[in-house]
């Protein structure tokens, strides 16, 4: 059996579709598309970040926490890493884990840039 491969064009089409679904608040459809993308490119930082964002929008805070347990996977893109840290901090706070959330916020604000 031959292994299926996505072309760069196919992958960009899926990315556009996932982004469209997200923008029109169809988060479950976006997540299905993102999971297909991650099947072919498990290390894609954008797709992983969008999956976290979808769970955040659906208030699935435990999933946000689970998907951001290893923040190193987002290090390839500093802006996505920062966003994932903020979403993780918020999810921890929503789940009653304020102390852990504060550690992340303090780390983000102590780097000289503040939150904004």
C-alpha atoms as a PDB file:
ATOM      1  CA  UNK A   1       0.000   0.000   0.000  1.00  0.00           C
ATOM      2  CA  UNK A   2       1.428   3.370  -0.971  1.00  0.00           C
ATOM      3  CA  UNK A   3       1.660   6.215   1.516  1.00  0.00           C
ATOM      4  CA  UNK A   4      -0.413   9.293   0.730  1.00  0.00           C
ATOM      5  CA  UNK A   5       1.392  12.586   0.629  1.00  0.00           C
ATOM      6  CA  UNK A   6      -0.002  16.107   0.492  1.00  0.00           C
ATOM      7  CA  UNK A   7       1.490  18.549  -1.921  1.00  0.00           C
ATOM      8  CA  UNK A   8       2.394  22.007  -0.659  1.00  0.00           C
ATOM      9  CA  UNK A   9      -0.599  23.346  -2.563  1.00  0.00           C
ATOM     10  CA  UNK A  10      -2.930  20.812  -0.889  1.00  0.00           C
ATOM     11  CA  UNK A  11      -1.517  21.715   2.505  1.00  0.00           C
ATOM     12  CA  UNK A  12      -2.017  25.446   1.874  1.00  0.00           C
ATOM     13  CA  UNK A  13      -5.597  24.734   0.785  1.00  0.00           C
ATOM     14  CA  UNK A  14      -6.256  22.897   4.048  1.00  0.00           C
ATOM     15  CA  UNK A  15      -4.686  25.784   5.952  1.00  0.00           C
ATOM     16  CA  UNK A  16      -6.989  28.258   4.205  1.00  0.00           C
ATOM     17  CA  UNK A  17      -9.994  26.048   4.909  1.00  0.00           C
ATOM     18  CA  UNK A  18      -9.107  25.642   8.600  1.00  0.00           C
ATOM     19  CA  UNK A  19      -8.619  29.393   8.932  1.00  0.00           C
ATOM     20  CA  UNK A  20     -11.939  30.079   7.182  1.00  0.00           C
ATOM     21  CA  UNK A  21     -13.824  27.698   9.482  1.00  0.00           C
ATOM     22  CA  UNK A  22     -12.197  29.341  12.499  1.00  0.00           C
ATOM     23  CA  UNK A  23     -13.110  32.848  11.331  1.00  0.00           C
ATOM     24  CA  UNK A  24     -16.780  31.909  10.856  1.00  0.00           C
ATOM     25  CA  UNK A  25     -16.917  30.227  14.283  1.00  0.00           C
ATOM     26  CA  UNK A  26     -17.096  26.660  12.958  1.00  0.00           C
ATOM     27  CA  UNK A  27     -14.468  25.456  15.400  1.00  0.00           C
ATOM     28  CA  UNK A  28     -15.234  21.740  15.140  1.00  0.00           C
ATOM     29  CA  UNK A  29     -14.885  21.879  11.346  1.00  0.00           C
ATOM     30  CA  UNK A  30     -11.654  23.794  11.744  1.00  0.00           C
ATOM     31  CA  UNK A  31     -10.360  21.183  14.204  1.00  0.00           C
ATOM     32  CA  UNK A  32     -11.169  18.330  11.808  1.00  0.00           C
ATOM     33  CA  UNK A  33      -9.214  20.083   9.076  1.00  0.00           C
ATOM     34  CA  UNK A  34      -6.324  20.822  11.450  1.00  0.00           C
ATOM     35  CA  UNK A  35      -6.156  17.175  12.525  1.00  0.00           C
ATOM     36  CA  UNK A  36      -5.831  16.128   8.876  1.00  0.00           C
ATOM     37  CA  UNK A  37      -3.014  18.637   8.465  1.00  0.00           C
ATOM     38  CA  UNK A  38      -1.280  17.328  11.582  1.00  0.00           C
ATOM     39  CA  UNK A  39      -1.591  13.755  10.321  1.00  0.00           C
ATOM     40  CA  UNK A  40       0.616  14.719   7.387  1.00  0.00           C
ATOM     41  CA  UNK A  41       2.770  17.323   9.166  1.00  0.00           C
ATOM     42  CA  UNK A  42       2.766  16.563  12.921  1.00  0.00           C
ATOM     43  CA  UNK A  43       5.268  19.337  13.633  1.00  0.00           C
ATOM     44  CA  UNK A  44       3.349  22.146  11.946  1.00  0.00           C
ATOM     45  CA  UNK A  45       3.372  24.951  14.532  1.00  0.00           C
ATOM     46  CA  UNK A  46       0.581  26.948  12.905  1.00  0.00           C
ATOM     47  CA  UNK A  47      -1.815  23.969  12.836  1.00  0.00           C
ATOM     48  CA  UNK A  48      -1.006  23.052  16.449  1.00  0.00           C
ATOM     49  CA  UNK A  49      -1.561  26.633  17.546  1.00  0.00           C
ATOM     50  CA  UNK A  50      -4.863  26.867  15.705  1.00  0.00           C
ATOM     51  CA  UNK A  51      -6.023  23.636  17.329  1.00  0.00           C
ATOM     52  CA  UNK A  52      -5.340  25.180  20.739  1.00  0.00           C
ATOM     53  CA  UNK A  53      -7.184  28.351  19.707  1.00  0.00           C
ATOM     54  CA  UNK A  54     -10.220  26.329  18.629  1.00  0.00           C
ATOM     55  CA  UNK A  55     -10.342  24.539  21.962  1.00  0.00           C
ATOM     56  CA  UNK A  56     -10.005  27.872  23.734  1.00  0.00           C
ATOM     57  CA  UNK A  57     -12.916  29.340  21.784  1.00  0.00           C
ATOM     58  CA  UNK A  58     -15.008  26.286  22.677  1.00  0.00           C
ATOM     59  CA  UNK A  59     -14.026  26.748  26.331  1.00  0.00           C
ATOM     60  CA  UNK A  60     -12.363  23.311  26.380  1.00  0.00           C
ATOM     61  CA  UNK A  61      -9.785  24.507  28.868  1.00  0.00           C
ATOM     62  CA  UNK A  62      -8.571  21.046  29.844  1.00  0.00           C
ATOM     63  CA  UNK A  63      -7.742  20.388  26.194  1.00  0.00           C
ATOM     64  CA  UNK A  64      -5.916  23.733  25.967  1.00  0.00           C
ATOM     65  CA  UNK A  65      -3.844  22.705  28.979  1.00  0.00           C
ATOM     66  CA  UNK A  66      -3.183  19.251  27.561  1.00  0.00           C
ATOM     67  CA  UNK A  67      -2.176  20.579  24.130  1.00  0.00           C
ATOM     68  CA  UNK A  68       0.188  23.129  25.683  1.00  0.00           C
ATOM     69  CA  UNK A  69       1.823  20.813  28.215  1.00  0.00           C
ATOM     70  CA  UNK A  70       4.983  20.878  26.121  1.00  0.00           C
ATOM     71  CA  UNK A  71       5.370  24.469  24.979  1.00  0.00           C
ATOM     72  CA  UNK A  72       8.675  23.620  23.276  1.00  0.00           C
ATOM     73  CA  UNK A  73       6.743  22.421  20.231  1.00  0.00           C
ATOM     74  CA  UNK A  74       5.789  26.064  19.562  1.00  0.00           C
ATOM     75  CA  UNK A  75       9.324  27.482  19.836  1.00  0.00           C
ATOM     76  CA  UNK A  76       9.750  27.672  16.051  1.00  0.00           C
ATOM     77  CA  UNK A  77       7.492  30.741  16.017  1.00  0.00           C
ATOM     78  CA  UNK A  78       7.935  33.267  18.841  1.00  0.00           C
ATOM     79  CA  UNK A  79       4.556  34.944  18.350  1.00  0.00           C
ATOM     80  CA  UNK A  80       2.685  31.628  18.381  1.00  0.00           C
ATOM     81  CA  UNK A  81       4.678  30.533  21.447  1.00  0.00           C
ATOM     82  CA  UNK A  82       3.690  33.721  23.271  1.00  0.00           C
ATOM     83  CA  UNK A  83       0.020  33.263  22.328  1.00  0.00           C
ATOM     84  CA  UNK A  84       0.090  29.647  23.512  1.00  0.00           C
ATOM     85  CA  UNK A  85       1.563  30.700  26.845  1.00  0.00           C
ATOM     86  CA  UNK A  86      -1.223  33.252  27.282  1.00  0.00           C
ATOM     87  CA  UNK A  87      -3.916  30.737  26.349  1.00  0.00           C
ATOM     88  CA  UNK A  88      -2.398  28.174  28.709  1.00  0.00           C
ATOM     89  CA  UNK A  89      -2.305  30.722  31.538  1.00  0.00           C
ATOM     90  CA  UNK A  90      -5.944  31.599  30.972  1.00  0.00           C
ATOM     91  CA  UNK A  91      -6.994  27.948  30.788  1.00  0.00           C
ATOM     92  CA  UNK A  92      -5.145  27.186  34.019  1.00  0.00           C
ATOM     93  CA  UNK A  93      -6.900  30.100  35.689  1.00  0.00           C
ATOM     94  CA  UNK A  94     -10.300  28.905  34.409  1.00  0.00           C
ATOM     95  CA  UNK A  95      -9.559  25.445  35.782  1.00  0.00           C
ATOM     96  CA  UNK A  96      -8.775  26.829  39.231  1.00  0.00           C
ATOM     97  CA  UNK A  97      -5.006  26.552  38.914  1.00  0.00           C
ATOM     98  CA  UNK A  98      -4.227  30.216  39.543  1.00  0.00           C
ATOM     99  CA  UNK A  99      -0.778  29.654  41.019  1.00  0.00           C
ATOM    100  CA  UNK A 100       0.415  27.909  37.842  1.00  0.00           C
ATOM    101  CA  UNK A 101      -1.194  30.629  35.736  1.00  0.00           C
ATOM    102  CA  UNK A 102       0.610  33.363  37.664  1.00  0.00           C
ATOM    103  CA  UNK A 103       3.969  31.712  37.059  1.00  0.00           C
ATOM    104  CA  UNK A 104       3.400  31.903  33.296  1.00  0.00           C
ATOM    105  CA  UNK A 105       2.178  35.512  33.447  1.00  0.00           C
ATOM    106  CA  UNK A 106       5.150  36.537  35.577  1.00  0.00           C
ATOM    107  CA  UNK A 107       7.482  34.856  33.103  1.00  0.00           C
ATOM    108  CA  UNK A 108       5.825  36.676  30.198  1.00  0.00           C
ATOM    109  CA  UNK A 109       5.957  40.058  31.911  1.00  0.00           C
ATOM    110  CA  UNK A 110       9.500  39.687  33.218  1.00  0.00           C
ATOM    111  CA  UNK A 111      10.984  39.326  29.752  1.00  0.00           C
ATOM    112  CA  UNK A 112      10.985  43.093  29.302  1.00  0.00           C
ATOM    113  CA  UNK A 113       8.087  43.339  26.905  1.00  0.00           C
ATOM    114  CA  UNK A 114       5.099  43.019  29.206  1.00  0.00           C
ATOM    115  CA  UNK A 115       1.921  41.436  27.943  1.00  0.00           C
ATOM    116  CA  UNK A 116       1.291  43.859  25.117  1.00  0.00           C
END
